PDB file of N, CA and C in Angstrom:
ATOM      1  N   MET A   1      -6.386  64.680 -54.415  1.00  0.00           N
ATOM      2  CA  MET A   1      -6.920  64.795 -55.758  1.00  0.00           C
ATOM      3  C   MET A   1      -5.756  64.879 -56.742  1.00  0.00           C
ATOM      4  N   PRO A   2      -5.863  64.230 -57.865  1.00  0.00           N
ATOM      5  CA  PRO A   2      -4.767  64.272 -58.831  1.00  0.00           C
ATOM      6  C   PRO A   2      -4.677  65.627 -59.537  1.00  0.00           C
ATOM      7  N   THR A   3      -3.455  65.970 -59.886  1.00  0.00           N
ATOM      8  CA  THR A   3      -3.240  67.131 -60.739  1.00  0.00           C
ATOM      9  C   THR A   3      -3.602  66.734 -62.161  1.00  0.00           C
ATOM     10  N   VAL A   4      -3.483  67.637 -63.103  1.00  0.00           N
ATOM     11  CA  VAL A   4      -3.696  67.286 -64.503  1.00  0.00           C
ATOM     12  C   VAL A   4      -2.539  66.412 -64.995  1.00  0.00           C
ATOM     13  N   GLN A   5      -1.328  66.622 -64.488  1.00  0.00           N
ATOM     14  CA  GLN A   5      -0.159  65.868 -64.944  1.00  0.00           C
ATOM     15  C   GLN A   5      -0.205  64.399 -64.532  1.00  0.00           C
ATOM     16  N   GLU A   6      -0.755  64.084 -63.396  1.00  0.00           N
ATOM     17  CA  GLU A   6      -0.752  62.691 -62.930  1.00  0.00           C
ATOM     18  C   GLU A   6      -1.522  61.748 -63.858  1.00  0.00           C
ATOM     19  N   PRO A   7      -2.708  62.077 -64.345  1.00  0.00           N
ATOM     20  CA  PRO A   7      -3.349  61.196 -65.331  1.00  0.00           C
ATOM     21  C   PRO A   7      -2.571  61.120 -66.646  1.00  0.00           C
ATOM     22  N   ILE A   8      -1.923  62.211 -67.037  1.00  0.00           N
ATOM     23  CA  ILE A   8      -1.087  62.178 -68.244  1.00  0.00           C
ATOM     24  C   ILE A   8       0.030  61.168 -68.054  1.00  0.00           C
ATOM     25  N   ASP A   9       0.648  61.176 -66.885  1.00  0.00           N
ATOM     26  CA  ASP A   9       1.698  60.201 -66.588  1.00  0.00           C
ATOM     27  C   ASP A   9       1.159  58.770 -66.612  1.00  0.00           C
ATOM     28  N   LEU A  10      -0.050  58.555 -66.088  1.00  0.00           N
ATOM     29  CA  LEU A  10      -0.647  57.221 -66.142  1.00  0.00           C
ATOM     30  C   LEU A  10      -0.786  56.747 -67.583  1.00  0.00           C
ATOM     31  N   CYS A  11      -1.170  57.655 -68.465  1.00  0.00           N
ATOM     32  CA  CYS A  11      -1.355  57.290 -69.881  1.00  0.00           C
ATOM     33  C   CYS A  11      -0.034  56.973 -70.562  1.00  0.00           C
ATOM     34  N   LYS A  12       0.973  57.775 -70.299  1.00  0.00           N
ATOM     35  CA  LYS A  12       2.239  57.658 -71.019  1.00  0.00           C
ATOM     36  C   LYS A  12       3.204  56.646 -70.410  1.00  0.00           C
ATOM     37  N   LYS A  13       3.102  56.418 -69.117  1.00  0.00           N
ATOM     38  CA  LYS A  13       4.117  55.623 -68.427  1.00  0.00           C
ATOM     39  C   LYS A  13       3.607  54.293 -67.882  1.00  0.00           C
ATOM     40  N   CYS A  14       2.363  53.939 -68.216  1.00  0.00           N
ATOM     41  CA  CYS A  14       1.780  52.708 -67.679  1.00  0.00           C
ATOM     42  C   CYS A  14       1.120  51.896 -68.784  1.00  0.00           C
ATOM     43  N   ASP A  15       0.882  50.630 -68.490  1.00  0.00           N
ATOM     44  CA  ASP A  15       0.159  49.734 -69.395  1.00  0.00           C
ATOM     45  C   ASP A  15      -1.278  49.620 -68.916  1.00  0.00           C
ATOM     46  N   TRP A  16      -2.216  49.763 -69.856  1.00  0.00           N
ATOM     47  CA  TRP A  16      -3.644  49.727 -69.558  1.00  0.00           C
ATOM     48  C   TRP A  16      -4.253  48.441 -70.111  1.00  0.00           C
ATOM     49  N   SER A  17      -5.006  47.727 -69.270  1.00  0.00           N
ATOM     50  CA  SER A  17      -5.683  46.496 -69.692  1.00  0.00           C
ATOM     51  C   SER A  17      -7.152  46.573 -69.301  1.00  0.00           C
ATOM     52  N   TRP A  18      -8.026  46.435 -70.309  1.00  0.00           N
ATOM     53  CA  TRP A  18      -9.474  46.416 -70.067  1.00  0.00           C
ATOM     54  C   TRP A  18      -9.806  45.150 -69.308  1.00  0.00           C
ATOM     55  N   THR A  19     -10.580  45.264 -68.236  1.00  0.00           N
ATOM     56  CA  THR A  19     -10.896  44.112 -67.417  1.00  0.00           C
ATOM     57  C   THR A  19     -12.223  44.346 -66.696  1.00  0.00           C
ATOM     58  N   SER A  20     -12.635  43.369 -65.959  1.00  0.00           N
ATOM     59  CA  SER A  20     -13.807  43.480 -65.106  1.00  0.00           C
ATOM     60  C   SER A  20     -13.431  42.947 -63.730  1.00  0.00           C
ATOM     61  N   VAL A  21     -13.728  43.705 -62.694  1.00  0.00           N
ATOM     62  CA  VAL A  21     -13.453  43.308 -61.317  1.00  0.00           C
ATOM     63  C   VAL A  21     -14.782  43.304 -60.566  1.00  0.00           C
ATOM     64  N   ASN A  22     -15.151  42.152 -60.047  1.00  0.00           N
ATOM     65  CA  ASN A  22     -16.431  42.003 -59.341  1.00  0.00           C
ATOM     66  C   ASN A  22     -17.603  42.517 -60.170  1.00  0.00           C
ATOM     67  N   GLY A  23     -17.552  42.235 -61.482  1.00  0.00           N
ATOM     68  CA  GLY A  23     -18.622  42.624 -62.378  1.00  0.00           C
ATOM     69  C   GLY A  23     -18.606  44.078 -62.822  1.00  0.00           C
ATOM     70  N   VAL A  24     -17.551  44.818 -62.478  1.00  0.00           N
ATOM     71  CA  VAL A  24     -17.446  46.230 -62.839  1.00  0.00           C
ATOM     72  C   VAL A  24     -16.368  46.386 -63.912  1.00  0.00           C
ATOM     73  N   ASN A  25     -16.751  46.945 -65.063  1.00  0.00           N
ATOM     74  CA  ASN A  25     -15.790  47.186 -66.144  1.00  0.00           C
ATOM     75  C   ASN A  25     -14.871  48.350 -65.806  1.00  0.00           C
ATOM     76  N   GLY A  26     -13.642  48.239 -66.298  1.00  0.00           N
ATOM     77  CA  GLY A  26     -12.686  49.318 -66.100  1.00  0.00           C
ATOM     78  C   GLY A  26     -11.318  48.904 -66.584  1.00  0.00           C
ATOM     79  N   TYR A  27     -10.309  49.651 -66.163  1.00  0.00           N
ATOM     80  CA  TYR A  27      -8.933  49.377 -66.568  1.00  0.00           C
ATOM     81  C   TYR A  27      -8.062  49.049 -65.370  1.00  0.00           C
ATOM     82  N   SER A  28      -7.236  48.040 -65.560  1.00  0.00           N
ATOM     83  CA  SER A  28      -6.145  47.781 -64.653  1.00  0.00           C
ATOM     84  C   SER A  28      -4.955  48.530 -65.238  1.00  0.00           C
ATOM     85  N   VAL A  29      -4.411  49.454 -64.477  1.00  0.00           N
ATOM     86  CA  VAL A  29      -3.304  50.280 -64.934  1.00  0.00           C
ATOM     87  C   VAL A  29      -2.070  49.883 -64.133  1.00  0.00           C
ATOM     88  N   ARG A  30      -1.045  49.414 -64.829  1.00  0.00           N
ATOM     89  CA  ARG A  30       0.166  48.902 -64.173  1.00  0.00           C
ATOM     90  C   ARG A  30       1.382  49.687 -64.626  1.00  0.00           C
ATOM     91  N   GLY A  31       2.238  49.994 -63.657  1.00  0.00           N
ATOM     92  CA  GLY A  31       3.483  50.696 -63.946  1.00  0.00           C
ATOM     93  C   GLY A  31       4.441  49.825 -64.742  1.00  0.00           C
ATOM     94  N   ARG A  32       5.484  50.448 -65.248  1.00  0.00           N
ATOM     95  CA  ARG A  32       6.516  49.739 -66.008  1.00  0.00           C
ATOM     96  C   ARG A  32       7.847  49.805 -65.269  1.00  0.00           C
ATOM     97  N   GLY A  33       8.742  48.902 -65.640  1.00  0.00           N
ATOM     98  CA  GLY A  33      10.096  48.918 -65.084  1.00  0.00           C
ATOM     99  C   GLY A  33      10.092  48.735 -63.586  1.00  0.00           C
ATOM    100  N   ALA A  34      10.763  49.648 -62.879  1.00  0.00           N
ATOM    101  CA  ALA A  34      10.865  49.570 -61.425  1.00  0.00           C
ATOM    102  C   ALA A  34       9.504  49.689 -60.739  1.00  0.00           C
ATOM    103  N   TYR A  35       8.498  50.161 -61.456  1.00  0.00           N
ATOM    104  CA  TYR A  35       7.161  50.339 -60.892  1.00  0.00           C
ATOM    105  C   TYR A  35       6.182  49.270 -61.352  1.00  0.00           C
ATOM    106  N   ALA A  36       6.688  48.182 -61.924  1.00  0.00           N
ATOM    107  CA  ALA A  36       5.824  47.129 -62.466  1.00  0.00           C
ATOM    108  C   ALA A  36       4.958  46.469 -61.402  1.00  0.00           C
ATOM    109  N   SER A  37       5.347  46.554 -60.150  1.00  0.00           N
ATOM    110  CA  SER A  37       4.530  45.946 -59.094  1.00  0.00           C
ATOM    111  C   SER A  37       3.396  46.874 -58.644  1.00  0.00           C
ATOM    112  N   ALA A  38       3.389  48.120 -59.109  1.00  0.00           N
ATOM    113  CA  ALA A  38       2.352  49.073 -58.715  1.00  0.00           C
ATOM    114  C   ALA A  38       1.217  49.052 -59.733  1.00  0.00           C
ATOM    115  N   SER A  39      -0.008  48.986 -59.236  1.00  0.00           N
ATOM    116  CA  SER A  39      -1.159  48.995 -60.139  1.00  0.00           C
ATOM    117  C   SER A  39      -2.340  49.670 -59.452  1.00  0.00           C
ATOM    118  N   ILE A  40      -3.308  50.026 -60.283  1.00  0.00           N
ATOM    119  CA  ILE A  40      -4.530  50.656 -59.801  1.00  0.00           C
ATOM    120  C   ILE A  40      -5.667  50.208 -60.716  1.00  0.00           C
ATOM    121  N   PHE A  41      -6.842  50.018 -60.159  1.00  0.00           N
ATOM    122  CA  PHE A  41      -8.016  49.711 -60.963  1.00  0.00           C
ATOM    123  C   PHE A  41      -8.856  50.973 -61.053  1.00  0.00           C
ATOM    124  N   LEU A  42      -9.179  51.384 -62.281  1.00  0.00           N
ATOM    125  CA  LEU A  42     -10.019  52.553 -62.512  1.00  0.00           C
ATOM    126  C   LEU A  42     -11.330  52.080 -63.148  1.00  0.00           C
ATOM    127  N   PRO A  43     -12.408  52.033 -62.382  1.00  0.00           N
ATOM    128  CA  PRO A  43     -13.682  51.558 -62.920  1.00  0.00           C
ATOM    129  C   PRO A  43     -14.323  52.574 -63.857  1.00  0.00           C
ATOM    130  N   CYS A  44     -15.102  52.067 -64.786  1.00  0.00           N
ATOM    131  CA  CYS A  44     -15.905  52.911 -65.669  1.00  0.00           C
ATOM    132  C   CYS A  44     -17.180  53.253 -64.909  1.00  0.00           C
ATOM    133  N   THR A  45     -17.138  54.347 -64.219  1.00  0.00           N
ATOM    134  CA  THR A  45     -18.196  54.721 -63.291  1.00  0.00           C
ATOM    135  C   THR A  45     -19.381  55.409 -63.940  1.00  0.00           C
ATOM    136  N   GLY A  46     -19.178  55.954 -65.132  1.00  0.00           N
ATOM    137  CA  GLY A  46     -20.224  56.765 -65.738  1.00  0.00           C
ATOM    138  C   GLY A  46     -20.281  58.124 -65.071  1.00  0.00           C
ATOM    139  N   ARG A  47     -21.333  58.869 -65.389  1.00  0.00           N
ATOM    140  CA  ARG A  47     -21.466  60.241 -64.881  1.00  0.00           C
ATOM    141  C   ARG A  47     -22.899  60.488 -64.452  1.00  0.00           C
ATOM    142  N   GLY A  48     -23.040  61.167 -63.336  1.00  0.00           N
ATOM    143  CA  GLY A  48     -24.354  61.538 -62.864  1.00  0.00           C
ATOM    144  C   GLY A  48     -24.725  62.939 -63.296  1.00  0.00           C
ATOM    145  N   LEU A  49     -25.983  63.117 -63.626  1.00  0.00           N
ATOM    146  CA  LEU A  49     -26.522  64.439 -63.933  1.00  0.00           C
ATOM    147  C   LEU A  49     -27.933  64.472 -63.372  1.00  0.00           C
ATOM    148  N   GLY A  50     -28.111  65.234 -62.315  1.00  0.00           N
ATOM    149  CA  GLY A  50     -29.395  65.222 -61.615  1.00  0.00           C
ATOM    150  C   GLY A  50     -29.580  63.874 -60.948  1.00  0.00           C
ATOM    151  N   THR A  51     -30.663  63.196 -61.275  1.00  0.00           N
ATOM    152  CA  THR A  51     -30.930  61.884 -60.677  1.00  0.00           C
ATOM    153  C   THR A  51     -30.618  60.743 -61.641  1.00  0.00           C
ATOM    154  N   SER A  52     -29.992  61.042 -62.775  1.00  0.00           N
ATOM    155  CA  SER A  52     -29.680  60.020 -63.784  1.00  0.00           C
ATOM    156  C   SER A  52     -28.202  59.659 -63.766  1.00  0.00           C
ATOM    157  N   LEU A  53     -27.917  58.409 -64.126  1.00  0.00           N
ATOM    158  CA  LEU A  53     -26.548  57.942 -64.285  1.00  0.00           C
ATOM    159  C   LEU A  53     -26.367  57.525 -65.738  1.00  0.00           C
ATOM    160  N   ASP A  54     -25.355  58.075 -66.385  1.00  0.00           N
ATOM    161  CA  ASP A  54     -25.110  57.824 -67.792  1.00  0.00           C
ATOM    162  C   ASP A  54     -23.748  57.163 -67.978  1.00  0.00           C
ATOM    163  N   GLY A  55     -23.696  56.105 -68.761  1.00  0.00           N
ATOM    164  CA  GLY A  55     -22.436  55.502 -69.173  1.00  0.00           C
ATOM    165  C   GLY A  55     -21.756  54.591 -68.175  1.00  0.00           C
ATOM    166  N   ALA A  56     -22.431  54.157 -67.129  1.00  0.00           N
ATOM    167  CA  ALA A  56     -21.805  53.248 -66.167  1.00  0.00           C
ATOM    168  C   ALA A  56     -21.372  51.981 -66.883  1.00  0.00           C
ATOM    169  N   GLY A  57     -20.133  51.575 -66.687  1.00  0.00           N
ATOM    170  CA  GLY A  57     -19.577  50.399 -67.338  1.00  0.00           C
ATOM    171  C   GLY A  57     -19.008  50.677 -68.717  1.00  0.00           C
ATOM    172  N   LEU A  58     -19.215  51.900 -69.234  1.00  0.00           N
ATOM    173  CA  LEU A  58     -18.751  52.250 -70.571  1.00  0.00           C
ATOM    174  C   LEU A  58     -17.628  53.273 -70.576  1.00  0.00           C
ATOM    175  N   TYR A  59     -17.700  54.225 -69.678  1.00  0.00           N
ATOM    176  CA  TYR A  59     -16.616  55.201 -69.605  1.00  0.00           C
ATOM    177  C   TYR A  59     -16.422  55.682 -68.168  1.00  0.00           C
ATOM    178  N   GLY A  60     -15.251  56.239 -67.936  1.00  0.00           N
ATOM    179  CA  GLY A  60     -14.897  56.674 -66.591  1.00  0.00           C
ATOM    180  C   GLY A  60     -14.362  58.092 -66.577  1.00  0.00           C
ATOM    181  N   PRO A  61     -15.175  59.055 -66.168  1.00  0.00           N
ATOM    182  CA  PRO A  61     -14.689  60.424 -66.006  1.00  0.00           C
ATOM    183  C   PRO A  61     -14.272  60.679 -64.553  1.00  0.00           C
ATOM    184  N   TYR A  62     -13.104  61.263 -64.368  1.00  0.00           N
ATOM    185  CA  TYR A  62     -12.566  61.534 -63.038  1.00  0.00           C
ATOM    186  C   TYR A  62     -12.103  62.980 -62.937  1.00  0.00           C
ATOM    187  N   TRP A  63     -12.524  63.659 -61.882  1.00  0.00           N
ATOM    188  CA  TRP A  63     -12.106  65.036 -61.664  1.00  0.00           C
ATOM    189  C   TRP A  63     -10.642  65.123 -61.279  1.00  0.00           C
ATOM    190  N   SER A  64     -10.007  66.207 -61.686  1.00  0.00           N
ATOM    191  CA  SER A  64      -8.669  66.539 -61.190  1.00  0.00           C
ATOM    192  C   SER A  64      -8.829  67.585 -60.085  1.00  0.00           C
ATOM    193  N   SER A  65      -7.728  68.008 -59.526  1.00  0.00           N
ATOM    194  CA  SER A  65      -7.757  69.040 -58.484  1.00  0.00           C
ATOM    195  C   SER A  65      -7.619  70.440 -59.064  1.00  0.00           C
ATOM    196  N   VAL A  66      -7.621  70.550 -60.383  1.00  0.00           N
ATOM    197  CA  VAL A  66      -7.318  71.823 -61.031  1.00  0.00           C
ATOM    198  C   VAL A  66      -8.603  72.540 -61.448  1.00  0.00           C
ATOM    199  N   PRO A  67      -8.943  73.620 -60.744  1.00  0.00           N
ATOM    200  CA  PRO A  67     -10.143  74.368 -61.118  1.00  0.00           C
ATOM    201  C   PRO A  67      -9.905  75.166 -62.394  1.00  0.00           C
ATOM    202  N   GLY A  68     -10.987  75.596 -62.986  1.00  0.00           N
ATOM    203  CA  GLY A  68     -10.884  76.425 -64.172  1.00  0.00           C
ATOM    204  C   GLY A  68     -10.694  77.889 -63.821  1.00  0.00           C
ATOM    205  N   SER A  69     -10.685  78.703 -64.836  1.00  0.00           N
ATOM    206  CA  SER A  69     -10.493  80.135 -64.636  1.00  0.00           C
ATOM    207  C   SER A  69     -11.784  80.834 -64.194  1.00  0.00           C
ATOM    208  N   ASP A  70     -12.892  80.123 -64.242  1.00  0.00           N
ATOM    209  CA  ASP A  70     -14.143  80.687 -63.742  1.00  0.00           C
ATOM    210  C   ASP A  70     -14.579  79.920 -62.491  1.00  0.00           C
ATOM    211  N   ASP A  71     -15.703  80.262 -61.952  1.00  0.00           N
ATOM    212  CA  ASP A  71     -16.173  79.626 -60.717  1.00  0.00           C
ATOM    213  C   ASP A  71     -16.938  78.329 -60.947  1.00  0.00           C
ATOM    214  N   TYR A  72     -17.110  77.906 -62.191  1.00  0.00           N
ATOM    215  CA  TYR A  72     -18.020  76.809 -62.487  1.00  0.00           C
ATOM    216  C   TYR A  72     -17.373  75.552 -63.034  1.00  0.00           C
ATOM    217  N   GLY A  73     -16.108  75.609 -63.385  1.00  0.00           N
ATOM    218  CA  GLY A  73     -15.511  74.473 -64.073  1.00  0.00           C
ATOM    219  C   GLY A  73     -14.252  73.956 -63.430  1.00  0.00           C
ATOM    220  N   ALA A  74     -13.814  72.813 -63.961  1.00  0.00           N
ATOM    221  CA  ALA A  74     -12.568  72.191 -63.531  1.00  0.00           C
ATOM    222  C   ALA A  74     -12.114  71.242 -64.642  1.00  0.00           C
ATOM    223  N   TRP A  75     -10.862  70.840 -64.585  1.00  0.00           N
ATOM    224  CA  TRP A  75     -10.314  69.885 -65.551  1.00  0.00           C
ATOM    225  C   TRP A  75     -10.599  68.475 -65.078  1.00  0.00           C
ATOM    226  N   TRP A  76     -10.887  67.606 -66.029  1.00  0.00           N
ATOM    227  CA  TRP A  76     -11.114  66.201 -65.710  1.00  0.00           C
ATOM    228  C   TRP A  76     -10.506  65.322 -66.781  1.00  0.00           C
ATOM    229  N   PHE A  77     -10.297  64.080 -66.398  1.00  0.00           N
ATOM    230  CA  PHE A  77      -9.682  63.064 -67.239  1.00  0.00           C
ATOM    231  C   PHE A  77     -10.698  61.952 -67.433  1.00  0.00           C
ATOM    232  N   GLY A  78     -10.757  61.386 -68.621  1.00  0.00           N
ATOM    233  CA  GLY A  78     -11.697  60.306 -68.855  1.00  0.00           C
ATOM    234  C   GLY A  78     -11.175  59.291 -69.852  1.00  0.00           C
ATOM    235  N   PHE A  79     -11.834  58.147 -69.890  1.00  0.00           N
ATOM    236  CA  PHE A  79     -11.453  57.070 -70.798  1.00  0.00           C
ATOM    237  C   PHE A  79     -12.687  56.228 -71.088  1.00  0.00           C
ATOM    238  N   ASP A  80     -12.593  55.435 -72.152  1.00  0.00           N
ATOM    239  CA  ASP A  80     -13.685  54.526 -72.489  1.00  0.00           C
ATOM    240  C   ASP A  80     -13.116  53.155 -72.816  1.00  0.00           C
ATOM    241  N   SER A  81     -13.968  52.240 -73.205  1.00  0.00           N
ATOM    242  CA  SER A  81     -13.542  50.859 -73.446  1.00  0.00           C
ATOM    243  C   SER A  81     -12.612  50.722 -74.645  1.00  0.00           C
ATOM    244  N   ASN A  82     -12.530  51.734 -75.482  1.00  0.00           N
ATOM    245  CA  ASN A  82     -11.610  51.715 -76.623  1.00  0.00           C
ATOM    246  C   ASN A  82     -10.253  52.308 -76.274  1.00  0.00           C
ATOM    247  N   ASN A  83     -10.015  52.539 -74.982  1.00  0.00           N
ATOM    248  CA  ASN A  83      -8.753  53.069 -74.490  1.00  0.00           C
ATOM    249  C   ASN A  83      -8.493  54.492 -74.985  1.00  0.00           C
ATOM    250  N   ASN A  84      -9.561  55.230 -75.246  1.00  0.00           N
ATOM    251  CA  ASN A  84      -9.421  56.639 -75.599  1.00  0.00           C
ATOM    252  C   ASN A  84      -9.307  57.451 -74.317  1.00  0.00           C
ATOM    253  N   HIS A  85      -8.206  58.158 -74.175  1.00  0.00           N
ATOM    254  CA  HIS A  85      -7.973  58.992 -73.005  1.00  0.00           C
ATOM    255  C   HIS A  85      -8.145  60.443 -73.408  1.00  0.00           C
ATOM    256  N   THR A  86      -8.884  61.178 -72.608  1.00  0.00           N
ATOM    257  CA  THR A  86      -9.146  62.562 -72.943  1.00  0.00           C
ATOM    258  C   THR A  86      -9.034  63.453 -71.713  1.00  0.00           C
ATOM    259  N   TYR A  87      -8.741  64.708 -71.947  1.00  0.00           N
ATOM    260  CA  TYR A  87      -8.669  65.721 -70.899  1.00  0.00           C
ATOM    261  C   TYR A  87      -9.616  66.836 -71.303  1.00  0.00           C
ATOM    262  N   TYR A  88     -10.466  67.206 -70.408  1.00  0.00           N
ATOM    263  CA  TYR A  88     -11.484  68.184 -70.716  1.00  0.00           C
ATOM    264  C   TYR A  88     -11.582  69.227 -69.617  1.00  0.00           C
ATOM    265  N   TYR A  89     -12.135  70.333 -70.003  1.00  0.00           N
ATOM    266  CA  TYR A  89     -12.556  71.328 -69.050  1.00  0.00           C
ATOM    267  C   TYR A  89     -14.070  71.215 -69.005  1.00  0.00           C
ATOM    268  N   GLY A  90     -14.636  70.998 -67.821  1.00  0.00           N
ATOM    269  CA  GLY A  90     -16.065  70.794 -67.737  1.00  0.00           C
ATOM    270  C   GLY A  90     -16.692  71.460 -66.534  1.00  0.00           C
ATOM    271  N   ARG A  91     -17.977  71.530 -66.568  1.00  0.00           N
ATOM    272  CA  ARG A  91     -18.742  72.129 -65.473  1.00  0.00           C
ATOM    273  C   ARG A  91     -18.799  71.188 -64.281  1.00  0.00           C
ATOM    274  N   ARG A  92     -18.656  71.766 -63.102  1.00  0.00           N
ATOM    275  CA  ARG A  92     -18.567  70.959 -61.893  1.00  0.00           C
ATOM    276  C   ARG A  92     -19.905  70.409 -61.416  1.00  0.00           C
ATOM    277  N   PHE A  93     -21.005  70.711 -62.086  1.00  0.00           N
ATOM    278  CA  PHE A  93     -22.286  70.154 -61.650  1.00  0.00           C
ATOM    279  C   PHE A  93     -22.469  68.717 -62.121  1.00  0.00           C
ATOM    280  N   TYR A  94     -21.563  68.202 -62.978  1.00  0.00           N
ATOM    281  CA  TYR A  94     -21.638  66.794 -63.355  1.00  0.00           C
ATOM    282  C   TYR A  94     -21.167  65.930 -62.192  1.00  0.00           C
ATOM    283  N   GLY A  95     -21.848  64.831 -61.958  1.00  0.00           N
ATOM    284  CA  GLY A  95     -21.458  63.923 -60.896  1.00  0.00           C
ATOM    285  C   GLY A  95     -20.419  62.937 -61.406  1.00  0.00           C
ATOM    286  N   GLN A  96     -19.175  63.349 -61.404  1.00  0.00           N
ATOM    287  CA  GLN A  96     -18.079  62.493 -61.871  1.00  0.00           C
ATOM    288  C   GLN A  96     -17.308  61.957 -60.685  1.00  0.00           C
ATOM    289  N   SER A  97     -16.544  60.934 -60.935  1.00  0.00           N
ATOM    290  CA  SER A  97     -15.806  60.268 -59.871  1.00  0.00           C
ATOM    291  C   SER A  97     -14.603  61.075 -59.412  1.00  0.00           C
ATOM    292  N   VAL A  98     -14.189  60.759 -58.202  1.00  0.00           N
ATOM    293  CA  VAL A  98     -12.976  61.326 -57.613  1.00  0.00           C
ATOM    294  C   VAL A  98     -12.110  60.153 -57.213  1.00  0.00           C
ATOM    295  N   ARG A  99     -10.870  60.171 -57.615  1.00  0.00           N
ATOM    296  CA  ARG A  99      -9.935  59.113 -57.233  1.00  0.00           C
ATOM    297  C   ARG A  99      -8.747  59.753 -56.530  1.00  0.00           C
ATOM    298  N   PRO A 100      -8.733  59.733 -55.204  1.00  0.00           N
ATOM    299  CA  PRO A 100      -7.608  60.332 -54.481  1.00  0.00           C
ATOM    300  C   PRO A 100      -6.300  59.626 -54.826  1.00  0.00           C
ATOM    301  N   VAL A 101      -5.220  60.359 -54.767  1.00  0.00           N
ATOM    302  CA  VAL A 101      -3.903  59.797 -55.012  1.00  0.00           C
ATOM    303  C   VAL A 101      -3.014  60.052 -53.817  1.00  0.00           C
ATOM    304  N   GLN A 102      -2.001  59.227 -53.687  1.00  0.00           N
ATOM    305  CA  GLN A 102      -1.028  59.387 -52.617  1.00  0.00           C
ATOM    306  C   GLN A 102       0.345  59.251 -53.251  1.00  0.00           C
ATOM    307  N   GLY A 103       1.287  60.031 -52.792  1.00  0.00           N
ATOM    308  CA  GLY A 103       2.636  59.923 -53.335  1.00  0.00           C
ATOM    309  C   GLY A 103       3.163  58.506 -53.245  1.00  0.00           C
ATOM    310  N   PHE A 104       3.917  58.093 -54.260  1.00  0.00           N
ATOM    311  CA  PHE A 104       4.444  56.735 -54.314  1.00  0.00           C
ATOM    312  C   PHE A 104       5.950  56.816 -54.416  1.00  0.00           C
ATOM    313  N   THR A 105       6.636  56.116 -53.542  1.00  0.00           N
ATOM    314  CA  THR A 105       8.086  56.041 -53.632  1.00  0.00           C
ATOM    315  C   THR A 105       8.483  54.595 -53.684  1.00  0.00           C
ATOM    316  N   LYS A 106       9.501  54.306 -54.425  1.00  0.00           N
ATOM    317  CA  LYS A 106       9.978  52.930 -54.603  1.00  0.00           C
ATOM    318  C   LYS A 106      11.222  52.726 -53.771  1.00  0.00           C
TER     319      LYS A 106
END
């Protein structure tokens, strides 16, 4: 699970391009410089609440590994088609995506 810093690094140190892969909207995120060959696709998955799915194809909320100070929340990172990146503290009962990360060495 990503820390809070890893999505911040993606925003500041990578180039984001809105695209569609197999009919799914999202961002192709590519590194710069020595990391220009590294990329990741982050789909706009939307969010589940109960049995409903909201915002699929429009925005992508992803949980981090950082829990909140209470038993109910955690930090998450999200974006939309306007390339707005946000960091929030939210309740864990929302059905948001998880994108595992693995250390990368060049």
